Amino acid sequence: MSSDAADEAHRPLLRVVRGEPTAAELAALVAVVSSMSAAPAEAPVEVLSEWAKPERMARQPVFAGPPMSWWASSLPR
């Protein structure tokens, strides 16, 4: 290891700039910072049945065709 890499490995995680925090306050801060840097847990995959899918709630058009084609459908042939 080079001296730069060794210095970076021993660099403190936090540095107190002002004030005198207690050991409990520092421990709480270290716990929060280390939990933020941890990898996020994967969310479980939620499997929905076909009946429960939200896209089923959107109505499909009753008659799919060109605009005003419903009017022509009632005319005699």
PDB file of N, CA and C in Angstrom:
ATOM      1  N   MET A   1       0.835  -1.178   0.000  1.00  0.00           N
ATOM      2  CA  MET A   1       0.000   0.000   0.000  1.00  0.00           C
ATOM      3  C   MET A   1       0.877   1.236   0.000  1.00  0.00           C
ATOM      4  N   SER A   2       0.476   2.220  -0.739  1.00  0.00           N
ATOM      5  CA  SER A   2       1.226   3.469  -0.738  1.00  0.00           C
ATOM      6  C   SER A   2       0.837   4.278   0.488  1.00  0.00           C
ATOM      7  N   SER A   3       1.582   5.325   0.751  1.00  0.00           N
ATOM      8  CA  SER A   3       1.299   6.142   1.935  1.00  0.00           C
ATOM      9  C   SER A   3      -0.027   6.881   1.794  1.00  0.00           C
ATOM     10  N   ASP A   4      -0.415   7.253   0.560  1.00  0.00           N
ATOM     11  CA  ASP A   4      -1.702   7.924   0.350  1.00  0.00           C
ATOM     12  C   ASP A   4      -2.856   6.984   0.664  1.00  0.00           C
ATOM     13  N   ALA A   5      -2.759   5.751   0.224  1.00  0.00           N
ATOM     14  CA  ALA A   5      -3.815   4.775   0.484  1.00  0.00           C
ATOM     15  C   ALA A   5      -3.883   4.452   1.970  1.00  0.00           C
ATOM     16  N   ALA A   6      -2.736   4.397   2.629  1.00  0.00           N
ATOM     17  CA  ALA A   6      -2.721   4.116   4.064  1.00  0.00           C
ATOM     18  C   ALA A   6      -3.330   5.277   4.840  1.00  0.00           C
ATOM     19  N   ASP A   7      -3.038   6.511   4.415  1.00  0.00           N
ATOM     20  CA  ASP A   7      -3.618   7.675   5.084  1.00  0.00           C
ATOM     21  C   ASP A   7      -5.128   7.703   4.914  1.00  0.00           C
ATOM     22  N   GLU A   8      -5.591   7.340   3.723  1.00  0.00           N
ATOM     23  CA  GLU A   8      -7.030   7.349   3.471  1.00  0.00           C
ATOM     24  C   GLU A   8      -7.733   6.248   4.258  1.00  0.00           C
ATOM     25  N   ALA A   9      -7.062   5.125   4.455  1.00  0.00           N
ATOM     26  CA  ALA A   9      -7.661   4.024   5.211  1.00  0.00           C
ATOM     27  C   ALA A   9      -7.808   4.391   6.684  1.00  0.00           C
ATOM     28  N   HIS A  10      -6.925   5.217   7.203  1.00  0.00           N
ATOM     29  CA  HIS A  10      -6.961   5.600   8.616  1.00  0.00           C
ATOM     30  C   HIS A  10      -7.603   6.958   8.847  1.00  0.00           C
ATOM     31  N   ARG A  11      -8.173   7.531   7.812  1.00  0.00           N
ATOM     32  CA  ARG A  11      -8.838   8.826   7.954  1.00  0.00           C
ATOM     33  C   ARG A  11     -10.114   8.647   8.770  1.00  0.00           C
ATOM     34  N   PRO A  12     -10.401   9.537   9.712  1.00  0.00           N
ATOM     35  CA  PRO A  12     -11.601   9.383  10.532  1.00  0.00           C
ATOM     36  C   PRO A  12     -12.871   9.572   9.708  1.00  0.00           C
ATOM     37  N   LEU A  13     -13.927   8.896  10.138  1.00  0.00           N
ATOM     38  CA  LEU A  13     -15.209   8.982   9.449  1.00  0.00           C
ATOM     39  C   LEU A  13     -15.824  10.364   9.636  1.00  0.00           C
ATOM     40  N   LEU A  14     -15.752  10.887  10.844  1.00  0.00           N
ATOM     41  CA  LEU A  14     -16.326  12.200  11.167  1.00  0.00           C
ATOM     42  C   LEU A  14     -15.287  13.051  11.875  1.00  0.00           C
ATOM     43  N   ARG A  15     -15.477  14.351  11.777  1.00  0.00           N
ATOM     44  CA  ARG A  15     -14.590  15.275  12.479  1.00  0.00           C
ATOM     45  C   ARG A  15     -15.459  16.316  13.157  1.00  0.00           C
ATOM     46  N   VAL A  16     -15.272  16.505  14.455  1.00  0.00           N
ATOM     47  CA  VAL A  16     -16.035  17.500  15.207  1.00  0.00           C
ATOM     48  C   VAL A  16     -15.359  18.844  14.998  1.00  0.00           C
ATOM     49  N   VAL A  17     -16.102  19.790  14.446  1.00  0.00           N
ATOM     50  CA  VAL A  17     -15.552  21.103  14.143  1.00  0.00           C
ATOM     51  C   VAL A  17     -15.812  22.065  15.289  1.00  0.00           C
ATOM     52  N   ARG A  18     -16.978  21.947  15.906  1.00  0.00           N
ATOM     53  CA  ARG A  18     -17.340  22.877  16.967  1.00  0.00           C
ATOM     54  C   ARG A  18     -18.145  22.127  18.028  1.00  0.00           C
ATOM     55  N   GLY A  19     -17.964  22.472  19.278  1.00  0.00           N
ATOM     56  CA  GLY A  19     -18.720  21.868  20.367  1.00  0.00           C
ATOM     57  C   GLY A  19     -18.032  20.624  20.911  1.00  0.00           C
ATOM     58  N   GLU A  20     -18.645  20.046  21.923  1.00  0.00           N
ATOM     59  CA  GLU A  20     -18.110  18.842  22.548  1.00  0.00           C
ATOM     60  C   GLU A  20     -19.224  17.812  22.678  1.00  0.00           C
ATOM     61  N   PRO A  21     -19.442  16.989  21.654  1.00  0.00           N
ATOM     62  CA  PRO A  21     -20.509  15.995  21.738  1.00  0.00           C
ATOM     63  C   PRO A  21     -20.149  14.879  22.715  1.00  0.00           C
ATOM     64  N   THR A  22     -21.174  14.291  23.294  1.00  0.00           N
ATOM     65  CA  THR A  22     -20.951  13.169  24.210  1.00  0.00           C
ATOM     66  C   THR A  22     -20.689  11.914  23.393  1.00  0.00           C
ATOM     67  N   ALA A  23     -20.246  10.881  24.082  1.00  0.00           N
ATOM     68  CA  ALA A  23     -19.981   9.607  23.403  1.00  0.00           C
ATOM     69  C   ALA A  23     -21.267   9.039  22.811  1.00  0.00           C
ATOM     70  N   ALA A  24     -22.388   9.213  23.501  1.00  0.00           N
ATOM     71  CA  ALA A  24     -23.673   8.707  22.997  1.00  0.00           C
ATOM     72  C   ALA A  24     -24.093   9.462  21.741  1.00  0.00           C
ATOM     73  N   GLU A  25     -23.877  10.767  21.713  1.00  0.00           N
ATOM     74  CA  GLU A  25     -24.224  11.557  20.530  1.00  0.00           C
ATOM     75  C   GLU A  25     -23.366  11.153  19.331  1.00  0.00           C
ATOM     76  N   LEU A  26     -22.074  10.941  19.563  1.00  0.00           N
ATOM     77  CA  LEU A  26     -21.196  10.498  18.482  1.00  0.00           C
ATOM     78  C   LEU A  26     -21.586   9.109  17.987  1.00  0.00           C
ATOM     79  N   ALA A  27     -21.942   8.224  18.913  1.00  0.00           N
ATOM     80  CA  ALA A  27     -22.345   6.872  18.520  1.00  0.00           C
ATOM     81  C   ALA A  27     -23.613   6.915  17.679  1.00  0.00           C
ATOM     82  N   ALA A  28     -24.558   7.766  18.054  1.00  0.00           N
ATOM     83  CA  ALA A  28     -25.793   7.890  17.278  1.00  0.00           C
ATOM     84  C   ALA A  28     -25.496   8.443  15.890  1.00  0.00           C
ATOM     85  N   LEU A  29     -24.624   9.418  15.806  1.00  0.00           N
ATOM     86  CA  LEU A  29     -24.268  10.009  14.519  1.00  0.00           C
ATOM     87  C   LEU A  29     -23.549   9.007  13.622  1.00  0.00           C
ATOM     88  N   VAL A  30     -22.630   8.241  14.193  1.00  0.00           N
ATOM     89  CA  VAL A  30     -21.918   7.221  13.420  1.00  0.00           C
ATOM     90  C   VAL A  30     -22.895   6.156  12.928  1.00  0.00           C
ATOM     91  N   ALA A  31     -23.864   5.773  13.755  1.00  0.00           N
ATOM     92  CA  ALA A  31     -24.854   4.770  13.346  1.00  0.00           C
ATOM     93  C   ALA A  31     -25.690   5.279  12.180  1.00  0.00           C
ATOM     94  N   VAL A  32     -26.096   6.534  12.224  1.00  0.00           N
ATOM     95  CA  VAL A  32     -26.909   7.101  11.142  1.00  0.00           C
ATOM     96  C   VAL A  32     -26.102   7.198   9.853  1.00  0.00           C
ATOM     97  N   VAL A  33     -24.888   7.687   9.936  1.00  0.00           N
ATOM     98  CA  VAL A  33     -24.062   7.850   8.737  1.00  0.00           C
ATOM     99  C   VAL A  33     -23.715   6.491   8.132  1.00  0.00           C
ATOM    100  N   SER A  34     -23.396   5.511   8.963  1.00  0.00           N
ATOM    101  CA  SER A  34     -23.048   4.194   8.419  1.00  0.00           C
ATOM    102  C   SER A  34     -24.268   3.490   7.839  1.00  0.00           C
ATOM    103  N   SER A  35     -25.458   3.733   8.392  1.00  0.00           N
ATOM    104  CA  SER A  35     -26.658   3.110   7.817  1.00  0.00           C
ATOM    105  C   SER A  35     -27.014   3.747   6.482  1.00  0.00           C
ATOM    106  N   MET A  36     -26.690   5.026   6.310  1.00  0.00           N
ATOM    107  CA  MET A  36     -26.965   5.692   5.038  1.00  0.00           C
ATOM    108  C   MET A  36     -26.030   5.194   3.941  1.00  0.00           C
ATOM    109  N   SER A  37     -24.831   4.793   4.296  1.00  0.00           N
ATOM    110  CA  SER A  37     -23.884   4.334   3.288  1.00  0.00           C
ATOM    111  C   SER A  37     -24.050   2.854   2.976  1.00  0.00           C
ATOM    112  N   ALA A  38     -24.837   2.147   3.764  1.00  0.00           N
ATOM    113  CA  ALA A  38     -25.066   0.719   3.512  1.00  0.00           C
ATOM    114  C   ALA A  38     -25.922   0.552   2.263  1.00  0.00           C
ATOM    115  N   ALA A  39     -25.788  -0.576   1.628  1.00  0.00           N
ATOM    116  CA  ALA A  39     -26.572  -0.856   0.421  1.00  0.00           C
ATOM    117  C   ALA A  39     -28.047  -0.997   0.798  1.00  0.00           C
ATOM    118  N   PRO A  40     -28.930  -0.427  -0.003  1.00  0.00           N
ATOM    119  CA  PRO A  40     -30.355  -0.535   0.314  1.00  0.00           C
ATOM    120  C   PRO A  40     -30.839  -1.972   0.138  1.00  0.00           C
ATOM    121  N   ALA A  41     -31.739  -2.365   1.005  1.00  0.00           N
ATOM    122  CA  ALA A  41     -32.308  -3.707   0.911  1.00  0.00           C
ATOM    123  C   ALA A  41     -33.256  -3.762  -0.277  1.00  0.00           C
ATOM    124  N   GLU A  42     -33.247  -4.878  -0.968  1.00  0.00           N
ATOM    125  CA  GLU A  42     -34.134  -5.017  -2.116  1.00  0.00           C
ATOM    126  C   GLU A  42     -35.562  -5.173  -1.632  1.00  0.00           C
ATOM    127  N   ALA A  43     -36.437  -4.461  -2.283  1.00  0.00           N
ATOM    128  CA  ALA A  43     -37.850  -4.561  -1.936  1.00  0.00           C
ATOM    129  C   ALA A  43     -38.385  -5.887  -2.454  1.00  0.00           C
ATOM    130  N   PRO A  44     -39.225  -6.548  -1.675  1.00  0.00           N
ATOM    131  CA  PRO A  44     -39.782  -7.807  -2.154  1.00  0.00           C
ATOM    132  C   PRO A  44     -40.678  -7.571  -3.365  1.00  0.00           C
ATOM    133  N   VAL A  45     -40.632  -8.489  -4.282  1.00  0.00           N
ATOM    134  CA  VAL A  45     -41.439  -8.379  -5.492  1.00  0.00           C
ATOM    135  C   VAL A  45     -42.874  -8.733  -5.138  1.00  0.00           C
ATOM    136  N   GLU A  46     -43.764  -7.798  -5.401  1.00  0.00           N
ATOM    137  CA  GLU A  46     -45.171  -8.013  -5.084  1.00  0.00           C
ATOM    138  C   GLU A  46     -45.869  -8.558  -6.322  1.00  0.00           C
ATOM    139  N   VAL A  47     -46.415  -9.743  -6.183  1.00  0.00           N
ATOM    140  CA  VAL A  47     -47.098 -10.380  -7.300  1.00  0.00           C
ATOM    141  C   VAL A  47     -48.592 -10.150  -7.134  1.00  0.00           C
ATOM    142  N   LEU A  48     -49.195  -9.491  -8.118  1.00  0.00           N
ATOM    143  CA  LEU A  48     -50.626  -9.231  -8.080  1.00  0.00           C
ATOM    144  C   LEU A  48     -51.338 -10.185  -9.020  1.00  0.00           C
ATOM    145  N   SER A  49     -52.521 -10.592  -8.615  1.00  0.00           N
ATOM    146  CA  SER A  49     -53.318 -11.408  -9.517  1.00  0.00           C
ATOM    147  C   SER A  49     -53.849 -10.517 -10.636  1.00  0.00           C
ATOM    148  N   GLU A  50     -54.320 -11.116 -11.686  1.00  0.00           N
ATOM    149  CA  GLU A  50     -54.858 -10.343 -12.808  1.00  0.00           C
ATOM    150  C   GLU A  50     -56.042  -9.485 -12.371  1.00  0.00           C
ATOM    151  N   TRP A  51     -56.814  -9.947 -11.409  1.00  0.00           N
ATOM    152  CA  TRP A  51     -57.987  -9.199 -10.952  1.00  0.00           C
ATOM    153  C   TRP A  51     -57.593  -7.959 -10.161  1.00  0.00           C
ATOM    154  N   ALA A  52     -56.438  -7.977  -9.516  1.00  0.00           N
ATOM    155  CA  ALA A  52     -56.040  -6.877  -8.644  1.00  0.00           C
ATOM    156  C   ALA A  52     -55.176  -5.834  -9.338  1.00  0.00           C
ATOM    157  N   LYS A  53     -54.836  -6.033 -10.580  1.00  0.00           N
ATOM    158  CA  LYS A  53     -53.955  -5.087 -11.266  1.00  0.00           C
ATOM    159  C   LYS A  53     -54.662  -3.751 -11.483  1.00  0.00           C
ATOM    160  N   PRO A  54     -53.973  -2.643 -11.203  1.00  0.00           N
ATOM    161  CA  PRO A  54     -54.590  -1.323 -11.339  1.00  0.00           C
ATOM    162  C   PRO A  54     -54.990  -0.985 -12.771  1.00  0.00           C
ATOM    163  N   GLU A  55     -54.290  -1.524 -13.749  1.00  0.00           N
ATOM    164  CA  GLU A  55     -54.637  -1.171 -15.125  1.00  0.00           C
ATOM    165  C   GLU A  55     -55.994  -1.732 -15.546  1.00  0.00           C
ATOM    166  N   ARG A  56     -56.523  -2.691 -14.796  1.00  0.00           N
ATOM    167  CA  ARG A  56     -57.857  -3.203 -15.102  1.00  0.00           C
ATOM    168  C   ARG A  56     -58.923  -2.153 -14.797  1.00  0.00           C
ATOM    169  N   MET A  57     -58.601  -1.201 -13.923  1.00  0.00           N
ATOM    170  CA  MET A  57     -59.578  -0.191 -13.527  1.00  0.00           C
ATOM    171  C   MET A  57     -59.859   0.802 -14.663  1.00  0.00           C
ATOM    172  N   ALA A  58     -58.941   0.958 -15.585  1.00  0.00           N
ATOM    173  CA  ALA A  58     -59.146   1.880 -16.703  1.00  0.00           C
ATOM    174  C   ALA A  58     -60.053   1.206 -17.725  1.00  0.00           C
ATOM    175  N   ARG A  59     -61.130   1.861 -18.075  1.00  0.00           N
ATOM    176  CA  ARG A  59     -62.071   1.281 -19.040  1.00  0.00           C
ATOM    177  C   ARG A  59     -61.490   1.309 -20.437  1.00  0.00           C
ATOM    178  N   GLN A  60     -61.765   0.275 -21.147  1.00  0.00           N
ATOM    179  CA  GLN A  60     -61.410   0.208 -22.556  1.00  0.00           C
ATOM    180  C   GLN A  60     -62.559   0.822 -23.344  1.00  0.00           C
ATOM    181  N   PRO A  61     -62.299   1.388 -24.505  1.00  0.00           N
ATOM    182  CA  PRO A  61     -63.397   1.957 -25.290  1.00  0.00           C
ATOM    183  C   PRO A  61     -64.384   0.857 -25.696  1.00  0.00           C
ATOM    184  N   VAL A  62     -65.679   1.199 -25.675  1.00  0.00           N
ATOM    185  CA  VAL A  62     -66.708   0.229 -26.032  1.00  0.00           C
ATOM    186  C   VAL A  62     -66.613  -0.095 -27.513  1.00  0.00           C
ATOM    187  N   PHE A  63     -66.449   0.926 -28.324  1.00  0.00           N
ATOM    188  CA  PHE A  63     -66.344   0.719 -29.761  1.00  0.00           C
ATOM    189  C   PHE A  63     -65.079   1.410 -30.237  1.00  0.00           C
ATOM    190  N   ALA A  64     -64.118   0.634 -30.624  1.00  0.00           N
ATOM    191  CA  ALA A  64     -62.868   1.217 -31.100  1.00  0.00           C
ATOM    192  C   ALA A  64     -62.943   1.386 -32.609  1.00  0.00           C
ATOM    193  N   GLY A  65     -62.873   2.576 -33.064  1.00  0.00           N
ATOM    194  CA  GLY A  65     -62.919   2.844 -34.489  1.00  0.00           C
ATOM    195  C   GLY A  65     -62.622   4.304 -34.746  1.00  0.00           C
ATOM    196  N   PRO A  66     -62.753   4.740 -35.994  1.00  0.00           N
ATOM    197  CA  PRO A  66     -62.496   6.141 -36.304  1.00  0.00           C
ATOM    198  C   PRO A  66     -63.523   7.044 -35.633  1.00  0.00           C
ATOM    199  N   PRO A  67     -63.225   8.323 -35.457  1.00  0.00           N
ATOM    200  CA  PRO A  67     -64.176   9.245 -34.843  1.00  0.00           C
ATOM    201  C   PRO A  67     -65.478   9.296 -35.645  1.00  0.00           C
ATOM    202  N   MET A  68     -66.583   9.386 -34.948  1.00  0.00           N
ATOM    203  CA  MET A  68     -67.934   9.474 -35.514  1.00  0.00           C
ATOM    204  C   MET A  68     -68.359   8.197 -36.244  1.00  0.00           C
ATOM    205  N   SER A  69     -67.622   7.122 -36.124  1.00  0.00           N
ATOM    206  CA  SER A  69     -68.014   5.885 -36.795  1.00  0.00           C
ATOM    207  C   SER A  69     -69.237   5.268 -36.134  1.00  0.00           C
ATOM    208  N   TRP A  70     -69.501   5.606 -34.869  1.00  0.00           N
ATOM    209  CA  TRP A  70     -70.697   5.092 -34.196  1.00  0.00           C
ATOM    210  C   TRP A  70     -71.960   5.602 -34.894  1.00  0.00           C
ATOM    211  N   TRP A  71     -71.889   6.826 -35.449  1.00  0.00           N
ATOM    212  CA  TRP A  71     -73.057   7.405 -36.114  1.00  0.00           C
ATOM    213  C   TRP A  71     -73.405   6.622 -37.381  1.00  0.00           C
ATOM    214  N   ALA A  72     -72.387   6.258 -38.119  1.00  0.00           N
ATOM    215  CA  ALA A  72     -72.600   5.515 -39.359  1.00  0.00           C
ATOM    216  C   ALA A  72     -73.063   4.094 -39.088  1.00  0.00           C
ATOM    217  N   SER A  73     -72.830   3.574 -37.899  1.00  0.00           N
ATOM    218  CA  SER A  73     -73.215   2.199 -37.617  1.00  0.00           C
ATOM    219  C   SER A  73     -74.727   2.030 -37.538  1.00  0.00           C
ATOM    220  N   SER A  74     -75.474   3.116 -37.323  1.00  0.00           N
ATOM    221  CA  SER A  74     -76.929   2.997 -37.225  1.00  0.00           C
ATOM    222  C   SER A  74     -77.632   3.239 -38.559  1.00  0.00           C
ATOM    223  N   LEU A  75     -76.917   3.640 -39.572  1.00  0.00           N
ATOM    224  CA  LEU A  75     -77.521   3.898 -40.876  1.00  0.00           C
ATOM    225  C   LEU A  75     -77.832   2.579 -41.585  1.00  0.00           C
ATOM    226  N   PRO A  76     -78.892   2.551 -42.395  1.00  0.00           N
ATOM    227  CA  PRO A  76     -79.196   1.320 -43.134  1.00  0.00           C
ATOM    228  C   PRO A  76     -78.104   1.022 -44.154  1.00  0.00           C
ATOM    229  N   ARG A  77     -77.953  -0.210 -44.433  1.00  0.00           N
ATOM    230  CA  ARG A  77     -76.900  -0.624 -45.375  1.00  0.00           C
ATOM    231  C   ARG A  77     -77.470  -0.938 -46.706  1.00  0.00           C
TER     232      ARG A  77
END
